[in-house]
Structures are given as structure tokens and as C-alpha cells.
């Protein structure tokens, strides 16, 4: 069965027999494109925004660097932040909540990047998390005596 997607995902008329009677699923019936649903290699990929990084190699490398830095930033923000002892508890909670919101937003951007199903993006995201963990959470530079739980 064709489902109107054999030409690479361009719009096609949907036959009246396939349309729902209530009209609620019209958005699904007039879907513009199908996304890649298995991992693939190559620079012709769309990450986060339509048309980005285009099909140029330099833009693809820039996109990979961006995803890498996003993953490192997620690990940096995962470190428990300590605040001054005399700080107002409400301000400290608000600051911790703000850091958490920023961390989750960046983590979702990394997740959406990986959902492009590009093998290079996946490897760079994992590498970014690994480097970030090594630098900020493994306590390799601070030693075991100053490790926080």
C-alpha cells in the first residue's frame, strides 16, 4: 500500500475513502514528509532546524561541534552547585531550579539532535557526554578526598 509517500514525501491528494469521517486526523493525512527512522551515515541531514546544516561539509562539521558542546554543557550543569552559606534559601532554590531547567532544555536539544538518526550526530553526542563526565563529574582532577556525593 502506497499511503501517498512513494515520491519522497511530497503532498498528494488523499482519497476520500482513506480520510476519517470526523476530520480530526487531517493533519496526519496531509503530512508533508517522512523522516529517516534508522541510523544512516552522511552529511545530508537536518538537525534541530529546517535546512540546517544544509548539505555542505563545513556546516555539517559545525553542527557536530554544536551537538558535542551541548552534551558537554549538560554534564557541566549536572554537577551539584553549592551556594554561599548565608544565602537566602528561597534564592538558592530558585537558582538551583533555574540551573535544572537550563540543563533539561539542553538535554532535550541533544535528544532531538540524536533523533535525526545520523550516525555521526549520535557518536558526537555520546562523546560529548563522555568528555563532560570525565571533566566535571569523574573527580579525576580533584581527587577522591574532595569528591561530592
N, C-alpha and C. Protein backbone atom coordinates (compact mmCIF):
# COMPACT_ATOMS: atom_id res chain seq x y z
N UNK A 1 0.83 -1.16 0.00
CA UNK A 1 0.00 0.00 0.00
C UNK A 1 0.89 1.23 0.00
N UNK A 2 0.58 2.26 -0.77
CA UNK A 2 1.45 3.39 -1.01
C UNK A 2 1.36 4.46 0.08
N UNK A 3 0.23 4.77 0.61
CA UNK A 3 -0.02 5.80 1.61
C UNK A 3 0.43 7.18 1.16
N UNK A 4 0.61 7.39 -0.13
CA UNK A 4 0.94 8.70 -0.65
C UNK A 4 2.35 9.17 -0.36
N UNK A 5 3.28 8.29 -0.06
CA UNK A 5 4.63 8.71 0.30
C UNK A 5 5.69 8.12 -0.63
N UNK A 6 5.34 7.59 -1.77
CA UNK A 6 6.31 6.95 -2.63
C UNK A 6 7.22 7.93 -3.35
N UNK A 7 6.83 9.21 -3.41
CA UNK A 7 7.64 10.17 -4.16
C UNK A 7 8.55 10.97 -3.25
N UNK A 8 8.95 10.45 -2.11
CA UNK A 8 9.86 11.14 -1.23
C UNK A 8 9.18 12.04 -0.22
N UNK A 9 7.87 11.96 -0.11
CA UNK A 9 7.19 12.68 0.94
C UNK A 9 6.49 13.95 0.51
N UNK A 10 6.35 14.20 -0.79
CA UNK A 10 5.64 15.41 -1.19
C UNK A 10 4.15 15.21 -1.00
N UNK A 11 3.43 16.32 -0.95
CA UNK A 11 1.99 16.26 -0.73
C UNK A 11 1.30 15.56 -1.90
N UNK A 12 0.34 14.74 -1.59
CA UNK A 12 -0.50 14.08 -2.58
C UNK A 12 -1.92 14.14 -2.07
N UNK A 13 -2.84 14.10 -2.97
CA UNK A 13 -4.24 14.09 -2.57
C UNK A 13 -4.56 12.77 -1.87
N UNK A 14 -5.34 12.86 -0.83
CA UNK A 14 -5.75 11.68 -0.09
C UNK A 14 -7.14 11.31 -0.56
N UNK A 15 -7.32 10.06 -0.88
CA UNK A 15 -8.63 9.65 -1.38
C UNK A 15 -9.67 9.77 -0.27
N UNK A 16 -10.89 10.11 -0.63
CA UNK A 16 -11.94 10.29 0.39
C UNK A 16 -12.19 9.04 1.21
N UNK A 17 -11.91 7.86 0.64
CA UNK A 17 -12.14 6.63 1.40
C UNK A 17 -11.16 6.50 2.56
N UNK A 18 -9.97 7.07 2.44
CA UNK A 18 -8.97 6.95 3.49
C UNK A 18 -9.10 8.04 4.55
N UNK A 19 -9.85 9.08 4.27
CA UNK A 19 -9.98 10.18 5.22
C UNK A 19 -10.98 9.80 6.31
N UNK A 20 -10.71 10.19 7.54
CA UNK A 20 -11.64 9.89 8.63
C UNK A 20 -12.91 10.72 8.51
N UNK A 21 -13.98 10.18 9.02
CA UNK A 21 -15.27 10.86 8.94
C UNK A 21 -15.31 12.10 9.82
N UNK A 22 -14.61 12.08 10.94
CA UNK A 22 -14.68 13.21 11.86
C UNK A 22 -13.72 14.34 11.49
N UNK A 23 -12.76 14.11 10.62
CA UNK A 23 -11.84 15.15 10.20
C UNK A 23 -10.74 15.46 11.21
N UNK A 24 -10.67 14.73 12.33
CA UNK A 24 -9.67 15.02 13.35
C UNK A 24 -8.26 14.62 12.94
N UNK A 25 -8.13 13.64 12.08
CA UNK A 25 -6.82 13.15 11.69
C UNK A 25 -6.33 13.76 10.39
N UNK A 26 -6.85 14.90 10.03
CA UNK A 26 -6.47 15.53 8.77
C UNK A 26 -4.99 15.88 8.74
N UNK A 27 -4.43 16.29 9.87
CA UNK A 27 -3.02 16.64 9.91
C UNK A 27 -2.14 15.44 9.57
N UNK A 28 -2.53 14.28 10.00
CA UNK A 28 -1.78 13.07 9.69
C UNK A 28 -1.93 12.72 8.22
N UNK A 29 -3.11 12.92 7.67
CA UNK A 29 -3.37 12.56 6.28
C UNK A 29 -2.64 13.47 5.30
N UNK A 30 -2.37 14.72 5.68
CA UNK A 30 -1.70 15.63 4.77
C UNK A 30 -0.26 15.89 5.18
N UNK A 31 0.34 14.94 5.84
CA UNK A 31 1.71 15.04 6.31
C UNK A 31 2.64 15.32 5.13
N UNK A 32 3.60 16.27 5.31
CA UNK A 32 4.45 16.68 4.20
C UNK A 32 5.64 15.77 3.96
N UNK A 33 6.26 15.26 5.01
CA UNK A 33 7.47 14.47 4.77
C UNK A 33 7.60 13.35 5.79
N UNK A 34 8.31 12.35 5.38
CA UNK A 34 8.63 11.24 6.27
C UNK A 34 10.08 11.42 6.70
N UNK A 35 10.39 11.15 7.94
CA UNK A 35 11.74 11.26 8.45
C UNK A 35 12.42 9.90 8.40
N UNK A 36 13.73 9.93 8.35
CA UNK A 36 14.54 8.72 8.41
C UNK A 36 14.32 8.06 9.76
N UNK A 37 14.02 6.78 9.80
CA UNK A 37 13.74 6.10 11.05
C UNK A 37 14.74 4.99 11.35
N UNK A 38 15.91 5.05 10.74
CA UNK A 38 17.00 4.14 11.08
C UNK A 38 18.30 4.92 10.91
N UNK A 39 19.35 4.50 11.62
CA UNK A 39 20.60 5.23 11.56
C UNK A 39 21.20 5.18 10.16
N UNK A 40 21.77 6.29 9.74
CA UNK A 40 22.43 6.37 8.44
C UNK A 40 23.67 7.25 8.59
N UNK A 41 24.56 7.16 7.64
CA UNK A 41 25.79 7.95 7.64
C UNK A 41 25.72 8.93 6.50
N UNK A 42 26.30 10.07 6.70
CA UNK A 42 26.35 11.08 5.64
C UNK A 42 26.09 12.46 6.19
N UNK A 43 26.41 13.45 5.39
CA UNK A 43 26.26 14.83 5.84
C UNK A 43 24.93 15.45 5.43
N UNK A 44 24.16 14.79 4.62
CA UNK A 44 22.86 15.30 4.21
C UNK A 44 21.83 14.96 5.28
N UNK A 45 21.76 15.81 6.30
CA UNK A 45 20.91 15.55 7.45
C UNK A 45 20.31 16.88 7.89
N UNK A 46 19.20 16.82 8.55
CA UNK A 46 18.56 18.00 9.12
C UNK A 46 18.57 17.86 10.63
N UNK A 47 19.25 18.80 11.30
CA UNK A 47 19.40 18.73 12.76
C UNK A 47 18.74 19.95 13.37
N UNK A 48 17.78 19.74 14.23
CA UNK A 48 17.11 20.76 15.03
C UNK A 48 16.26 21.75 14.24
N UNK A 49 16.77 22.32 13.17
CA UNK A 49 16.04 23.35 12.43
C UNK A 49 15.94 22.97 10.96
N UNK A 50 14.84 23.34 10.30
CA UNK A 50 14.72 23.04 8.86
C UNK A 50 15.84 23.71 8.07
N UNK A 51 16.48 22.95 7.21
CA UNK A 51 17.53 23.48 6.37
C UNK A 51 18.90 23.59 7.02
N UNK A 52 19.02 23.14 8.26
CA UNK A 52 20.33 23.22 8.94
C UNK A 52 20.83 21.84 9.23
N UNK A 53 21.99 21.47 8.85
CA UNK A 53 23.14 22.24 8.39
C UNK A 53 23.30 22.29 6.88
N UNK A 54 22.26 22.16 6.12
CA UNK A 54 22.32 22.11 4.67
C UNK A 54 23.10 20.86 4.25
N UNK A 55 23.70 20.88 3.08
CA UNK A 55 24.45 19.68 2.65
C UNK A 55 25.93 19.97 2.50
N UNK A 56 26.39 21.09 3.04
CA UNK A 56 27.81 21.44 2.95
C UNK A 56 28.57 20.79 4.10
N UNK A 57 29.77 20.33 3.80
CA UNK A 57 30.58 19.63 4.79
C UNK A 57 30.94 20.53 5.97
N UNK A 58 31.30 21.77 5.70
CA UNK A 58 31.65 22.69 6.78
C UNK A 58 30.50 22.93 7.75
N UNK A 59 29.31 23.06 7.24
CA UNK A 59 28.15 23.26 8.10
C UNK A 59 27.83 21.99 8.89
N UNK A 60 28.04 20.83 8.29
CA UNK A 60 27.83 19.57 9.00
C UNK A 60 28.81 19.45 10.16
N UNK A 61 30.07 19.81 9.93
CA UNK A 61 31.08 19.76 10.99
C UNK A 61 30.73 20.76 12.09
N UNK A 62 30.25 21.94 11.72
CA UNK A 62 29.82 22.92 12.71
C UNK A 62 28.65 22.38 13.54
N UNK A 63 27.72 21.71 12.89
CA UNK A 63 26.58 21.11 13.61
C UNK A 63 27.06 20.04 14.58
N UNK A 64 28.02 19.22 14.17
CA UNK A 64 28.57 18.20 15.06
C UNK A 64 29.25 18.84 16.27
N UNK A 65 29.99 19.91 16.04
CA UNK A 65 30.64 20.63 17.16
C UNK A 65 29.59 21.20 18.10
N UNK A 66 28.50 21.72 17.56
CA UNK A 66 27.42 22.28 18.37
C UNK A 66 26.79 21.21 19.25
N UNK A 67 26.51 20.04 18.68
CA UNK A 67 25.91 18.94 19.45
C UNK A 67 26.90 18.46 20.52
N UNK A 68 28.18 18.37 20.19
CA UNK A 68 29.20 17.98 21.15
C UNK A 68 29.22 18.94 22.34
N UNK A 69 29.23 20.25 22.06
CA UNK A 69 29.26 21.24 23.13
C UNK A 69 27.98 21.24 23.96
N UNK A 70 26.84 20.98 23.31
CA UNK A 70 25.58 20.85 24.06
C UNK A 70 25.67 19.70 25.07
N UNK A 71 26.21 18.57 24.63
CA UNK A 71 26.32 17.42 25.53
C UNK A 71 27.30 17.69 26.66
N UNK A 72 28.40 18.36 26.38
CA UNK A 72 29.35 18.73 27.44
C UNK A 72 28.69 19.68 28.43
N UNK A 73 27.91 20.64 27.93
CA UNK A 73 27.21 21.59 28.80
C UNK A 73 26.20 20.90 29.70
N UNK A 74 25.53 19.87 29.19
CA UNK A 74 24.58 19.11 30.02
C UNK A 74 25.31 18.48 31.20
N UNK A 75 26.48 17.91 30.93
CA UNK A 75 27.26 17.30 32.02
C UNK A 75 27.79 18.34 33.00
N UNK A 76 28.19 19.49 32.49
CA UNK A 76 28.66 20.57 33.37
C UNK A 76 27.54 21.02 34.31
N UNK A 77 26.35 21.16 33.78
CA UNK A 77 25.22 21.59 34.60
C UNK A 77 24.70 20.49 35.52
N UNK A 78 25.17 19.26 35.32
CA UNK A 78 24.76 18.15 36.19
C UNK A 78 25.52 18.14 37.51
N UNK A 79 26.61 18.88 37.58
CA UNK A 79 27.40 18.96 38.80
C UNK A 79 26.59 19.69 39.86
N UNK A 80 26.62 19.20 41.08
CA UNK A 80 25.89 19.85 42.17
C UNK A 80 26.52 21.20 42.44
N UNK A 81 25.73 22.23 42.31
CA UNK A 81 26.21 23.59 42.54
C UNK A 81 26.01 23.94 44.00
N UNK A 82 27.06 24.44 44.63
CA UNK A 82 26.94 24.88 46.02
C UNK A 82 26.84 26.40 46.05
N UNK A 83 26.06 26.90 46.97
CA UNK A 83 25.84 28.32 47.10
C UNK A 83 26.40 28.80 48.43
N UNK A 84 26.56 30.08 48.56
CA UNK A 84 27.11 30.65 49.80
C UNK A 84 26.27 30.24 50.99
N UNK A 85 26.92 29.97 52.13
CA UNK A 85 26.17 29.54 53.32
C UNK A 85 25.14 30.55 53.80
N UNK A 86 25.40 31.83 53.69
CA UNK A 86 24.47 32.83 54.19
C UNK A 86 23.40 33.23 53.19
N UNK A 87 23.33 32.54 52.07
CA UNK A 87 22.38 32.91 51.01
C UNK A 87 20.95 32.58 51.43
N UNK A 88 20.04 33.43 51.02
CA UNK A 88 18.62 33.21 51.28
C UNK A 88 18.22 31.85 50.69
N UNK A 89 17.56 30.98 51.47
CA UNK A 89 17.19 29.65 50.96
C UNK A 89 16.27 29.71 49.74
N UNK A 90 15.40 30.70 49.70
CA UNK A 90 14.49 30.80 48.53
C UNK A 90 15.28 31.16 47.27
N UNK A 91 16.23 32.04 47.41
CA UNK A 91 17.06 32.42 46.26
C UNK A 91 17.91 31.21 45.82
N UNK A 92 18.44 30.46 46.78
CA UNK A 92 19.23 29.27 46.45
C UNK A 92 18.37 28.24 45.71
N UNK A 93 17.14 28.04 46.18
CA UNK A 93 16.24 27.09 45.49
C UNK A 93 15.89 27.57 44.09
N UNK A 94 15.65 28.87 43.96
CA UNK A 94 15.35 29.44 42.65
C UNK A 94 16.55 29.29 41.70
N UNK A 95 17.75 29.50 42.21
CA UNK A 95 18.95 29.34 41.39
C UNK A 95 19.13 27.89 40.97
N UNK A 96 18.95 26.96 41.91
CA UNK A 96 19.06 25.53 41.56
C UNK A 96 18.01 25.13 40.53
N UNK A 97 16.79 25.64 40.70
CA UNK A 97 15.72 25.34 39.75
C UNK A 97 16.05 25.89 38.37
N UNK A 98 16.60 27.08 38.33
CA UNK A 98 16.98 27.69 37.04
C UNK A 98 18.06 26.86 36.34
N UNK A 99 19.04 26.41 37.09
CA UNK A 99 20.10 25.57 36.52
C UNK A 99 19.50 24.26 36.01
N UNK A 100 18.58 23.69 36.77
CA UNK A 100 17.94 22.44 36.37
C UNK A 100 17.14 22.63 35.07
N UNK A 101 16.39 23.72 34.97
CA UNK A 101 15.59 24.00 33.77
C UNK A 101 16.51 24.15 32.56
N UNK A 102 17.60 24.88 32.73
CA UNK A 102 18.56 25.04 31.63
C UNK A 102 19.16 23.70 31.23
N UNK A 103 19.54 22.90 32.22
CA UNK A 103 20.12 21.57 31.93
C UNK A 103 19.14 20.69 31.17
N UNK A 104 17.88 20.69 31.59
CA UNK A 104 16.89 19.84 30.92
C UNK A 104 16.62 20.34 29.51
N UNK A 105 16.58 21.65 29.32
CA UNK A 105 16.40 22.19 27.98
C UNK A 105 17.52 21.78 27.05
N UNK A 106 18.75 21.86 27.52
CA UNK A 106 19.89 21.44 26.70
C UNK A 106 19.88 19.93 26.45
N UNK A 107 19.48 19.17 27.46
CA UNK A 107 19.40 17.71 27.28
C UNK A 107 18.37 17.34 26.22
N UNK A 108 17.24 18.05 26.21
CA UNK A 108 16.24 17.79 25.18
C UNK A 108 16.73 18.19 23.79
N UNK A 109 17.53 19.24 23.70
CA UNK A 109 18.12 19.60 22.40
C UNK A 109 19.07 18.52 21.91
N UNK A 110 19.86 17.94 22.82
CA UNK A 110 20.74 16.83 22.44
C UNK A 110 19.89 15.64 21.97
N UNK A 111 18.81 15.35 22.71
CA UNK A 111 17.94 14.23 22.33
C UNK A 111 17.33 14.47 20.94
N UNK A 112 16.85 15.68 20.69
CA UNK A 112 16.26 15.96 19.37
C UNK A 112 17.31 15.89 18.27
N UNK A 113 18.54 16.25 18.57
CA UNK A 113 19.61 16.13 17.58
C UNK A 113 19.87 14.66 17.24
N UNK A 114 19.90 13.82 18.26
CA UNK A 114 20.13 12.39 18.03
C UNK A 114 18.96 11.79 17.25
N UNK A 115 17.78 12.36 17.42
CA UNK A 115 16.61 11.84 16.69
C UNK A 115 16.68 12.14 15.20
N UNK A 116 17.73 12.81 14.73
CA UNK A 116 17.95 12.94 13.29
C UNK A 116 18.39 11.61 12.71
N UNK A 117 18.76 10.66 13.58
CA UNK A 117 19.18 9.31 13.21
C UNK A 117 20.45 9.30 12.36
N UNK A 118 21.27 10.33 12.48
CA UNK A 118 22.55 10.37 11.79
C UNK A 118 23.59 9.74 12.71
N UNK A 119 24.36 8.82 12.19
CA UNK A 119 25.36 8.12 12.99
C UNK A 119 26.41 9.06 13.56
N UNK A 120 26.84 10.04 12.79
CA UNK A 120 27.82 11.00 13.27
C UNK A 120 27.30 11.83 14.42
N UNK A 121 26.05 12.26 14.34
CA UNK A 121 25.44 13.05 15.42
C UNK A 121 25.35 12.20 16.68
N UNK A 122 24.96 10.94 16.54
CA UNK A 122 24.86 10.05 17.70
C UNK A 122 26.22 9.88 18.37
N UNK A 123 27.26 9.60 17.57
CA UNK A 123 28.59 9.39 18.14
C UNK A 123 29.12 10.66 18.82
N UNK A 124 28.87 11.81 18.22
CA UNK A 124 29.34 13.07 18.80
C UNK A 124 28.60 13.38 20.10
N UNK A 125 27.31 13.08 20.17
CA UNK A 125 26.55 13.31 21.40
C UNK A 125 27.07 12.41 22.53
N UNK A 126 27.32 11.15 22.22
CA UNK A 126 27.86 10.24 23.24
C UNK A 126 29.25 10.68 23.66
N UNK A 127 30.07 11.09 22.71
CA UNK A 127 31.42 11.57 23.03
C UNK A 127 31.37 12.83 23.89
N UNK A 128 30.44 13.72 23.60
CA UNK A 128 30.29 14.94 24.40
C UNK A 128 29.89 14.64 25.83
N UNK A 129 28.97 13.70 26.00
CA UNK A 129 28.59 13.30 27.36
C UNK A 129 29.77 12.64 28.07
N UNK A 130 30.53 11.82 27.36
CA UNK A 130 31.69 11.15 27.98
C UNK A 130 32.75 12.16 28.40
N UNK A 131 33.08 13.10 27.52
CA UNK A 131 34.09 14.11 27.85
C UNK A 131 33.60 14.99 28.99
N UNK A 132 32.33 15.38 28.95
CA UNK A 132 31.77 16.20 30.03
C UNK A 132 31.79 15.48 31.37
N UNK A 133 31.45 14.21 31.35
CA UNK A 133 31.50 13.42 32.59
C UNK A 133 32.93 13.33 33.10
N UNK A 134 33.86 13.05 32.19
CA UNK A 134 35.27 12.94 32.59
C UNK A 134 35.78 14.24 33.20
N UNK A 135 35.44 15.37 32.59
CA UNK A 135 35.96 16.65 33.05
C UNK A 135 35.30 17.14 34.34
N UNK A 136 33.98 16.95 34.45
CA UNK A 136 33.26 17.61 35.53
C UNK A 136 32.73 16.70 36.62
N UNK A 137 32.59 15.41 36.33
CA UNK A 137 31.94 14.55 37.32
C UNK A 137 32.78 13.36 37.76
N UNK A 138 33.88 13.07 37.11
CA UNK A 138 34.66 11.89 37.49
C UNK A 138 35.63 12.18 38.62
N UNK A 139 35.81 13.45 38.97
CA UNK A 139 36.71 13.88 40.05
C UNK A 139 38.15 13.46 39.77
N UNK A 140 38.52 13.36 38.52
CA UNK A 140 39.87 12.97 38.17
C UNK A 140 40.87 14.06 38.53
N UNK A 141 40.43 15.32 38.50
CA UNK A 141 41.32 16.43 38.79
C UNK A 141 41.30 16.83 40.27
N UNK A 142 40.22 16.52 40.97
CA UNK A 142 40.11 16.93 42.37
C UNK A 142 40.54 15.84 43.33
N UNK A 143 40.56 14.61 42.91
CA UNK A 143 40.95 13.51 43.78
C UNK A 143 39.76 12.98 44.56
N UNK A 144 39.89 11.78 45.13
CA UNK A 144 38.76 11.15 45.83
C UNK A 144 38.41 11.84 47.13
N UNK A 145 39.34 12.56 47.76
CA UNK A 145 39.05 13.17 49.06
C UNK A 145 38.06 14.31 48.96
N UNK A 146 38.03 15.01 47.83
CA UNK A 146 37.10 16.12 47.71
C UNK A 146 35.88 15.77 46.88
N UNK A 147 35.66 14.49 46.60
CA UNK A 147 34.51 14.06 45.80
C UNK A 147 33.22 14.32 46.57
N UNK A 148 32.25 14.90 45.86
CA UNK A 148 30.94 15.16 46.46
C UNK A 148 30.01 14.01 46.13
N UNK A 149 29.09 13.74 47.04
CA UNK A 149 28.13 12.66 46.77
C UNK A 149 26.84 13.22 46.28
